[in-house]
Amino acid sequence: MTSAIASTAQQSAQESPRVNLLGLSLRQMEQFFLDLGEKKFRAQQVLKWIHHAGVTDIVQMTNLGKALRDKLGDIAEVRPPRIVSQHDSSDGTRKWAIAVDGGGLIESVLIPEAGRATLCVSSQVGCSLDCSFCSTGKQGFQRDLSAAEIIGQVWLAIKSYDAFQSGNGRIVTNVVMMGMGEPLLNFDNVVAAMDLMLEDLAYGISKRRVTLSTSGVAPALDRLAEVSEVSLAVSLHAPNDELRNQLVPINRKYPIAVLLESCRNYIGAQRDSKRVVTVEYTLIAGVNDQREHARELAVLLRDFPCKINLIPFNTFEQSDYQRPSGNAVSRFWQVLVDAGYIVTVRTTRGDDINAACGQLVGQVVDRTRRSERHRAAAETQIIEVG
């Protein structure tokens, strides 16, 4: 938050949009108040009102003087994004469609498990990467989310369970940046939002319980090592460049060797020497789920500090890919376990409400025209089959 922004907002709320305090980190909030000529401890008070108490009305922040509240009312606001719909799965998973500025919709998913609840958070409206097995990419790309829209998903999840009022703000124990979008392509806003997730005056989530998942934007990952200590997951999905080029197109720019080196650098920069990378591998029937793929993956990741998370493909309308059989998943898992890896198989959750991994879609004003091209290709295929 710069002095220029604060002073412009102070001069006239009509000339400049109000500052949305929801997305400001502690450091940014302190600077905001200093720019207003206020003591920086006000930042701590406001953070607690917003993220501990769930308050959006500045008038209700009663430990701020009336003059300060009046000033803030003219130049600032606390404006979370808006829930359009909520769907609850038979397994307890909850999915929200959330409206953001510009006419877009994003989706967030909360997955409750024994002793924890993991929130899957979006970072963009749509996604620019177009991974072939992900429904989000088929929608095209509209824009990056602001820090307020990213942390707002955490705020809304807690609010939807009335957990602010009950004092049970810990309803969200884990956060994964695995929703719509590539987080490292929205670097500054994602980092600011993750800082709030970790901040004791906000959500106080452990750095081990906040995970950023990337498809492989290597230069941004190198930057992340300088400013963050969150857990890291990498969407690998193939044991060689030829196959990964087909599944994850950004691999053509940052091939596997470059990506793994950036991952090593990130882990090496952490103060905790026991940190590892979670390697995500979506198993697609007949594409990357054969024993030879598992053996090649085992060789590729030799001496790489990781654990492997196998994700059986979740079908969606725009894809011809198929989910692998249980036997194929078990065979793949066994090869990796025999090679000495720690391997988990992700349990599919929320697929009855299209909330499973790879199924998230929203409403995207597509600037890439990719969704139009995918629809045209699908219609051509239907005509040819017919």
Protein backbone atom coordinates (compact mmCIF):
# COMPACT_ATOMS: atom_id res chain seq x y z
CA MET A 1 0.00 0.00 0.00
CA THR A 2 1.64 3.22 -1.13
CA SER A 3 1.23 6.76 0.16
CA ALA A 4 -0.09 7.79 -3.24
CA ILE A 5 -2.94 5.29 -3.05
CA ALA A 6 -3.83 6.22 0.50
CA SER A 7 -3.75 9.98 -0.12
CA THR A 8 -5.79 9.72 -3.29
CA ALA A 9 -8.40 7.67 -1.47
CA GLN A 10 -8.39 10.18 1.38
CA GLN A 11 -9.04 13.09 -0.97
CA SER A 12 -12.14 11.65 -2.58
CA ALA A 13 -13.87 8.29 -2.53
CA GLN A 14 -15.44 9.25 -5.85
CA GLU A 15 -12.10 9.87 -7.58
CA SER A 16 -10.52 6.58 -6.46
CA PRO A 17 -12.02 3.21 -5.55
CA ARG A 18 -12.12 2.41 -1.88
CA VAL A 19 -9.25 0.35 -0.59
CA ASN A 20 -10.43 -3.17 0.18
CA LEU A 21 -8.86 -3.93 3.55
CA LEU A 22 -9.73 -7.63 3.25
CA GLY A 23 -6.71 -8.35 1.05
CA LEU A 24 -4.04 -6.38 2.92
CA SER A 25 -1.30 -8.30 4.72
CA LEU A 26 -0.09 -7.10 8.12
CA ARG A 27 2.79 -5.20 6.52
CA GLN A 28 0.51 -3.60 3.95
CA MET A 29 -2.10 -2.74 6.57
CA GLU A 30 0.53 -1.11 8.79
CA GLN A 31 1.74 0.99 5.87
CA PHE A 32 -1.85 1.95 5.06
CA PHE A 33 -2.39 3.36 8.54
CA LEU A 34 1.01 5.07 8.62
CA ASP A 35 0.12 6.77 5.33
CA LEU A 36 -3.05 8.05 6.99
CA GLY A 37 -1.04 9.51 9.86
CA GLU A 38 -2.24 6.81 12.28
CA LYS A 39 -0.31 4.49 14.56
CA LYS A 40 0.57 1.21 12.91
CA PHE A 41 -0.90 -0.87 15.79
CA ARG A 42 -4.27 -0.06 14.24
CA ALA A 43 -3.40 -2.64 11.62
CA GLN A 44 -3.46 -5.42 14.22
CA GLN A 45 -6.85 -4.30 15.50
CA VAL A 46 -8.40 -4.22 12.04
CA LEU A 47 -6.91 -7.56 11.00
CA LYS A 48 -8.51 -9.19 14.05
CA TRP A 49 -11.89 -7.63 13.31
CA ILE A 50 -11.83 -8.87 9.72
CA HIS A 51 -10.23 -12.30 9.99
CA HIS A 52 -10.95 -13.35 13.60
CA ALA A 53 -14.40 -11.83 14.07
CA GLY A 54 -15.61 -11.81 10.46
CA VAL A 55 -16.67 -8.15 10.66
CA THR A 56 -17.13 -6.21 7.40
CA ASP A 57 -18.82 -3.07 8.79
CA ILE A 58 -16.14 -0.59 9.90
CA VAL A 59 -18.66 1.03 12.26
CA GLN A 60 -18.65 -2.18 14.34
CA MET A 61 -14.89 -2.00 14.94
CA THR A 62 -15.48 -0.45 18.33
CA ASN A 63 -11.89 -0.26 19.59
CA LEU A 64 -11.19 2.27 16.84
CA GLY A 65 -12.11 5.87 17.65
CA LYS A 66 -15.19 7.29 15.95
CA ALA A 67 -13.13 9.80 13.99
CA LEU A 68 -10.94 7.02 12.60
CA ARG A 69 -13.96 4.89 11.77
CA ASP A 70 -15.52 7.83 9.93
CA LYS A 71 -12.28 8.38 8.01
CA LEU A 72 -12.04 4.72 7.07
CA GLY A 73 -15.67 4.70 6.02
CA ASP A 74 -14.85 7.34 3.40
CA ILE A 75 -11.76 5.69 1.89
CA ALA A 76 -11.87 1.98 2.68
CA GLU A 77 -14.14 -1.04 2.81
CA VAL A 78 -14.13 -4.70 3.73
CA ARG A 79 -15.69 -6.37 0.72
CA PRO A 80 -15.50 -10.15 0.32
CA PRO A 81 -16.57 -11.78 -2.93
CA ARG A 82 -20.17 -13.03 -3.07
CA ILE A 83 -21.40 -16.63 -2.89
CA VAL A 84 -23.78 -17.36 -5.76
CA SER A 85 -24.48 -21.00 -4.95
CA GLN A 86 -23.49 -23.70 -2.50
CA HIS A 87 -23.62 -27.45 -3.04
CA ASP A 88 -23.05 -30.12 -0.41
CA SER A 89 -21.85 -33.58 -1.41
CA SER A 90 -23.04 -36.79 0.15
CA ASP A 91 -19.49 -37.24 1.52
CA GLY A 92 -19.52 -33.88 3.33
CA THR A 93 -17.60 -31.92 0.70
CA ARG A 94 -18.95 -28.40 0.15
CA LYS A 95 -18.49 -26.39 -3.06
CA TRP A 96 -19.20 -22.72 -3.62
CA ALA A 97 -19.62 -20.77 -6.84
CA ILE A 98 -18.36 -17.28 -6.03
CA ALA A 99 -18.97 -14.08 -8.02
CA VAL A 100 -16.04 -11.72 -8.53
CA ASP A 101 -15.72 -8.34 -10.21
CA GLY A 102 -15.96 -8.33 -13.98
CA GLY A 103 -18.76 -10.87 -14.25
CA GLY A 104 -16.71 -13.98 -13.58
CA LEU A 105 -17.44 -16.93 -11.33
CA ILE A 106 -14.86 -19.03 -9.52
CA GLU A 107 -15.21 -22.17 -7.44
CA SER A 108 -13.85 -23.18 -4.04
CA VAL A 109 -14.16 -26.54 -2.31
CA LEU A 110 -13.92 -27.53 1.36
CA ILE A 111 -13.08 -31.19 2.01
CA PRO A 112 -13.65 -32.32 5.60
CA GLU A 113 -11.72 -35.29 6.92
CA ALA A 114 -11.01 -36.75 10.34
CA GLY A 115 -9.38 -33.99 12.37
CA ARG A 116 -9.00 -31.49 9.54
CA ALA A 117 -10.73 -29.64 6.73
CA THR A 118 -8.90 -28.69 3.53
CA LEU A 119 -9.99 -25.71 1.45
CA CYS A 120 -9.13 -25.72 -2.26
CA VAL A 121 -8.66 -22.08 -3.30
CA SER A 122 -8.71 -20.52 -6.78
CA SER A 123 -6.18 -17.90 -7.91
CA GLN A 124 -7.51 -16.93 -11.35
CA VAL A 125 -10.79 -16.68 -13.25
CA GLY A 126 -10.16 -19.57 -15.59
CA CYS A 127 -6.62 -20.65 -16.46
CA SER A 128 -4.25 -19.79 -19.29
CA LEU A 129 -2.32 -23.09 -19.32
CA ASP A 130 -4.86 -25.48 -20.91
CA CYS A 131 -3.64 -28.75 -19.39
CA SER A 132 -5.41 -31.43 -21.39
CA PHE A 133 -6.92 -33.31 -18.42
CA CYS A 134 -8.32 -30.26 -16.53
CA SER A 135 -11.80 -28.86 -17.05
CA THR A 136 -10.80 -25.40 -15.79
CA GLY A 137 -8.39 -24.90 -18.68
CA LYS A 138 -11.13 -25.64 -21.21
CA GLN A 139 -12.98 -22.52 -20.01
CA GLY A 140 -10.20 -20.20 -21.13
CA PHE A 141 -8.84 -17.30 -19.09
CA GLN A 142 -10.34 -14.01 -17.92
CA ARG A 143 -8.10 -12.42 -15.28
CA ASP A 144 -6.08 -12.82 -12.09
CA LEU A 145 -7.88 -12.66 -8.77
CA SER A 146 -7.01 -9.89 -6.33
CA ALA A 147 -5.54 -10.75 -2.94
CA ALA A 148 -8.93 -9.88 -1.42
CA GLU A 149 -10.68 -12.33 -3.75
CA ILE A 150 -8.21 -15.09 -2.89
CA ILE A 151 -8.25 -14.69 0.90
CA GLY A 152 -11.95 -13.95 0.61
CA GLN A 153 -12.51 -17.61 -0.24
CA VAL A 154 -11.12 -18.56 3.17
CA TRP A 155 -13.24 -15.86 4.81
CA LEU A 156 -16.39 -17.07 3.04
CA ALA A 157 -15.76 -20.72 3.91
CA ILE A 158 -15.56 -19.88 7.62
CA LYS A 159 -18.55 -17.54 7.35
CA SER A 160 -20.70 -20.20 5.69
CA TYR A 161 -20.37 -22.40 8.78
CA ASP A 162 -21.07 -19.44 11.13
CA ALA A 163 -17.64 -20.24 12.56
CA PHE A 164 -16.71 -16.60 13.24
CA GLN A 165 -19.65 -16.22 15.62
CA SER A 166 -19.03 -19.57 17.29
CA GLY A 167 -15.35 -18.82 17.76
CA ASN A 168 -14.49 -21.88 15.66
CA GLY A 169 -12.58 -20.03 12.97
CA ARG A 170 -10.37 -23.11 12.67
CA ILE A 171 -13.01 -24.79 10.53
CA VAL A 172 -10.36 -24.42 7.78
CA THR A 173 -7.22 -26.21 8.95
CA ASN A 174 -5.46 -26.64 5.60
CA VAL A 175 -5.39 -24.62 2.39
CA VAL A 176 -4.29 -25.82 -1.03
CA MET A 177 -3.77 -23.39 -3.88
CA MET A 178 -5.09 -25.98 -6.32
CA GLY A 179 -8.35 -24.42 -7.47
CA MET A 180 -8.92 -22.60 -10.74
CA GLY A 181 -5.79 -21.06 -12.22
CA GLU A 182 -2.00 -21.29 -11.99
CA PRO A 183 -1.00 -19.58 -8.71
CA LEU A 184 2.51 -18.61 -9.80
CA LEU A 185 1.11 -16.63 -12.74
CA ASN A 186 -0.62 -14.39 -10.17
CA PHE A 187 2.44 -14.17 -7.98
CA ASP A 188 2.06 -11.00 -5.92
CA ASN A 189 -1.62 -11.48 -5.05
CA VAL A 190 -1.16 -15.15 -4.20
CA VAL A 191 1.82 -14.41 -1.93
CA ALA A 192 -0.10 -11.62 -0.16
CA ALA A 193 -3.07 -13.93 0.41
CA MET A 194 -0.87 -16.77 1.67
CA ASP A 195 0.80 -14.34 4.08
CA LEU A 196 -2.65 -13.72 5.59
CA MET A 197 -3.32 -17.45 5.82
CA LEU A 198 -0.13 -17.82 7.87
CA GLU A 199 -0.56 -14.63 9.91
CA ASP A 200 -1.53 -15.23 13.57
CA LEU A 201 -3.62 -12.04 13.53
CA ALA A 202 -5.58 -13.51 10.61
CA TYR A 203 -5.88 -17.31 10.21
CA GLY A 204 -2.69 -18.63 11.81
CA ILE A 205 -2.42 -21.71 9.61
CA SER A 206 0.90 -23.57 9.79
CA LYS A 207 3.23 -23.12 6.81
CA ARG A 208 3.17 -26.90 6.46
CA ARG A 209 -0.62 -26.76 6.05
CA VAL A 210 -0.67 -24.19 3.25
CA THR A 211 0.30 -25.76 -0.06
CA LEU A 212 0.94 -24.07 -3.38
CA SER A 213 0.51 -26.31 -6.40
CA THR A 214 2.18 -25.31 -9.66
CA SER A 215 2.22 -26.75 -13.15
CA GLY A 216 5.81 -25.61 -13.51
CA VAL A 217 6.41 -21.86 -13.85
CA ALA A 218 10.06 -22.27 -12.95
CA PRO A 219 11.22 -18.61 -12.75
CA ALA A 220 8.30 -17.71 -10.46
CA LEU A 221 9.08 -20.74 -8.31
CA ASP A 222 12.62 -19.43 -7.92
CA ARG A 223 11.16 -16.09 -6.75
CA LEU A 224 8.84 -17.86 -4.34
CA ALA A 225 11.83 -19.40 -2.57
CA GLU A 226 12.90 -15.88 -1.58
CA VAL A 227 9.62 -14.85 0.05
CA SER A 228 7.67 -17.89 1.22
CA GLU A 229 7.91 -21.08 3.27
CA VAL A 230 4.64 -22.76 2.32
CA SER A 231 4.54 -26.38 1.24
CA LEU A 232 5.08 -27.11 -2.43
CA ALA A 233 3.26 -29.44 -4.79
CA VAL A 234 4.14 -29.85 -8.45
CA SER A 235 1.73 -31.12 -11.10
CA LEU A 236 3.99 -33.55 -12.96
CA HIS A 237 1.61 -36.10 -14.51
CA ALA A 238 4.21 -37.67 -16.83
CA PRO A 239 7.65 -39.28 -16.46
CA ASN A 240 9.18 -37.75 -19.61
CA ASP A 241 9.07 -34.53 -21.60
CA GLU A 242 7.46 -36.02 -24.70
CA LEU A 243 4.34 -37.12 -22.81
CA ARG A 244 4.28 -34.11 -20.49
CA ASN A 245 4.36 -31.76 -23.48
CA GLN A 246 1.01 -33.24 -24.49
CA LEU A 247 -0.57 -33.16 -21.03
CA VAL A 248 0.93 -29.97 -19.58
CA PRO A 249 1.81 -27.58 -22.45
CA ILE A 250 3.92 -25.25 -20.27
CA ASN A 251 6.45 -28.10 -20.19
CA ARG A 252 7.58 -27.01 -23.66
CA LYS A 253 8.87 -23.80 -22.07
CA TYR A 254 10.06 -25.23 -18.76
CA PRO A 255 10.85 -28.94 -19.25
CA ILE A 256 11.00 -31.45 -16.44
CA ALA A 257 14.71 -31.05 -15.67
CA VAL A 258 14.30 -27.27 -15.27
CA LEU A 259 11.18 -27.69 -13.12
CA LEU A 260 12.78 -30.25 -10.80
CA GLU A 261 15.84 -28.06 -10.38
CA SER A 262 13.64 -25.14 -9.31
CA CYS A 263 11.85 -27.45 -6.89
CA ARG A 264 15.19 -28.51 -5.40
CA ASN A 265 16.17 -24.88 -5.00
CA TYR A 266 12.88 -24.10 -3.27
CA ILE A 267 13.24 -26.96 -0.79
CA GLY A 268 16.90 -26.13 -0.27
CA ALA A 269 15.99 -22.56 0.69
CA GLN A 270 13.70 -23.70 3.53
CA ARG A 271 14.94 -23.66 7.11
CA ASP A 272 13.33 -27.06 7.72
CA SER A 273 15.65 -29.67 6.24
CA LYS A 274 12.93 -32.33 6.29
CA ARG A 275 10.69 -30.57 3.76
CA VAL A 276 9.78 -32.48 0.59
CA VAL A 277 7.86 -31.75 -2.60
CA THR A 278 4.51 -33.43 -3.22
CA VAL A 279 4.56 -34.77 -6.76
CA GLU A 280 1.04 -34.89 -8.17
CA TYR A 281 0.42 -37.46 -10.87
CA THR A 282 -3.01 -37.76 -12.47
CA LEU A 283 -3.48 -41.31 -13.77
CA ILE A 284 -5.28 -41.40 -17.14
CA ALA A 285 -6.33 -44.75 -18.59
CA GLY A 286 -4.07 -45.84 -21.43
CA VAL A 287 -2.15 -42.57 -21.44
CA ASN A 288 0.24 -42.46 -18.47
CA ASP A 289 -0.87 -45.29 -16.18
CA GLN A 290 1.19 -48.25 -17.41
CA ARG A 291 3.87 -50.09 -15.44
CA GLU A 292 6.56 -48.72 -17.75
CA HIS A 293 5.44 -45.19 -16.88
CA ALA A 294 5.71 -46.02 -13.17
CA ARG A 295 9.19 -47.46 -13.63
CA GLU A 296 10.30 -44.42 -15.61
CA LEU A 297 8.88 -42.13 -12.92
CA ALA A 298 10.76 -44.03 -10.23
CA VAL A 299 14.03 -43.46 -12.09
CA LEU A 300 13.24 -39.80 -12.80
CA LEU A 301 12.62 -38.96 -9.15
CA ARG A 302 15.57 -40.91 -7.75
CA ASP A 303 17.29 -38.78 -5.09
CA PHE A 304 14.59 -36.10 -5.45
CA PRO A 305 13.09 -35.11 -2.03
CA CYS A 306 9.46 -35.99 -2.60
CA LYS A 307 6.36 -37.96 -1.83
CA ILE A 308 4.02 -38.98 -4.63
CA ASN A 309 0.27 -38.39 -4.75
CA LEU A 310 -1.54 -40.47 -7.39
CA ILE A 311 -4.83 -38.95 -8.59
CA PRO A 312 -7.19 -41.16 -10.62
CA PHE A 313 -8.55 -38.99 -13.43
CA ASN A 314 -11.98 -37.48 -12.82
CA THR A 315 -14.07 -37.34 -15.97
CA PHE A 316 -15.74 -34.21 -17.30
CA GLU A 317 -17.84 -33.41 -20.34
CA GLN A 318 -15.21 -31.84 -22.59
CA SER A 319 -12.69 -34.68 -22.26
CA ASP A 320 -12.32 -38.05 -23.94
CA TYR A 321 -9.91 -39.28 -21.26
CA GLN A 322 -11.02 -42.15 -19.06
CA ARG A 323 -10.49 -43.00 -15.42
CA PRO A 324 -8.06 -45.92 -14.91
CA SER A 325 -9.24 -49.15 -13.35
CA GLY A 326 -8.59 -49.88 -9.71
CA ASN A 327 -6.16 -52.60 -10.75
CA ALA A 328 -4.18 -50.17 -12.92
CA VAL A 329 -3.92 -47.72 -10.03
CA SER A 330 -2.80 -50.51 -7.68
CA ARG A 331 -0.14 -51.75 -10.13
CA PHE A 332 1.25 -48.25 -10.60
CA TRP A 333 1.28 -47.67 -6.85
CA GLN A 334 3.05 -50.97 -6.20
CA VAL A 335 5.89 -50.22 -8.62
CA LEU A 336 6.60 -46.93 -6.84
CA VAL A 337 6.31 -48.40 -3.35
CA ASP A 338 8.68 -51.21 -4.30
CA ALA A 339 11.12 -48.53 -5.46
CA GLY A 340 11.05 -47.02 -1.97
CA TYR A 341 8.74 -44.03 -2.42
CA ILE A 342 6.04 -42.80 -0.06
CA VAL A 343 2.94 -42.96 -2.25
CA THR A 344 -0.67 -42.03 -1.55
CA VAL A 345 -3.71 -42.42 -3.76
CA ARG A 346 -6.05 -39.47 -3.53
CA THR A 347 -9.57 -40.45 -2.56
CA THR A 348 -12.09 -38.91 -4.93
CA ARG A 349 -14.26 -36.48 -2.97
CA GLY A 350 -17.21 -34.40 -4.11
CA ASP A 351 -17.49 -35.88 -7.60
CA ASP A 352 -21.30 -35.96 -7.27
CA ILE A 353 -21.21 -32.13 -7.24
CA ASN A 354 -18.32 -31.83 -9.75
CA ALA A 355 -15.97 -30.73 -6.97
CA ALA A 356 -13.29 -33.39 -7.48
CA CYS A 357 -9.75 -32.67 -8.64
CA GLY A 358 -9.72 -31.38 -12.23
CA GLN A 359 -13.47 -30.79 -12.34
CA LEU A 360 -13.66 -27.15 -11.21
CA VAL A 361 -15.23 -24.75 -13.68
CA GLY A 362 -16.64 -21.29 -13.32
CA GLN A 363 -18.05 -18.55 -15.49
CA VAL A 364 -15.21 -17.10 -17.52
CA VAL A 365 -15.33 -14.17 -19.91
CA ASP A 366 -12.70 -15.90 -22.02
CA ARG A 367 -10.06 -13.54 -23.38
CA THR A 368 -8.23 -16.38 -25.13
CA ARG A 369 -11.15 -17.74 -27.21
CA ARG A 370 -9.98 -21.16 -26.09
CA SER A 371 -13.42 -22.23 -24.87
CA GLU A 372 -14.83 -21.34 -28.30
CA ARG A 373 -12.20 -23.48 -30.01
CA HIS A 374 -12.83 -26.43 -27.70
CA ARG A 375 -16.59 -26.24 -28.36
CA ALA A 376 -16.02 -26.11 -32.11
CA ALA A 377 -13.68 -29.12 -31.96
CA ALA A 378 -16.22 -31.09 -29.92
CA GLU A 379 -19.03 -30.25 -32.35
CA THR A 380 -16.87 -31.32 -35.31
CA GLN A 381 -16.12 -34.62 -33.58
CA ILE A 382 -19.82 -35.24 -32.92
CA ILE A 383 -20.63 -34.59 -36.58
CA GLU A 384 -17.87 -36.92 -37.77
CA VAL A 385 -18.98 -39.70 -35.40
CA GLY A 386 -22.60 -39.17 -36.41
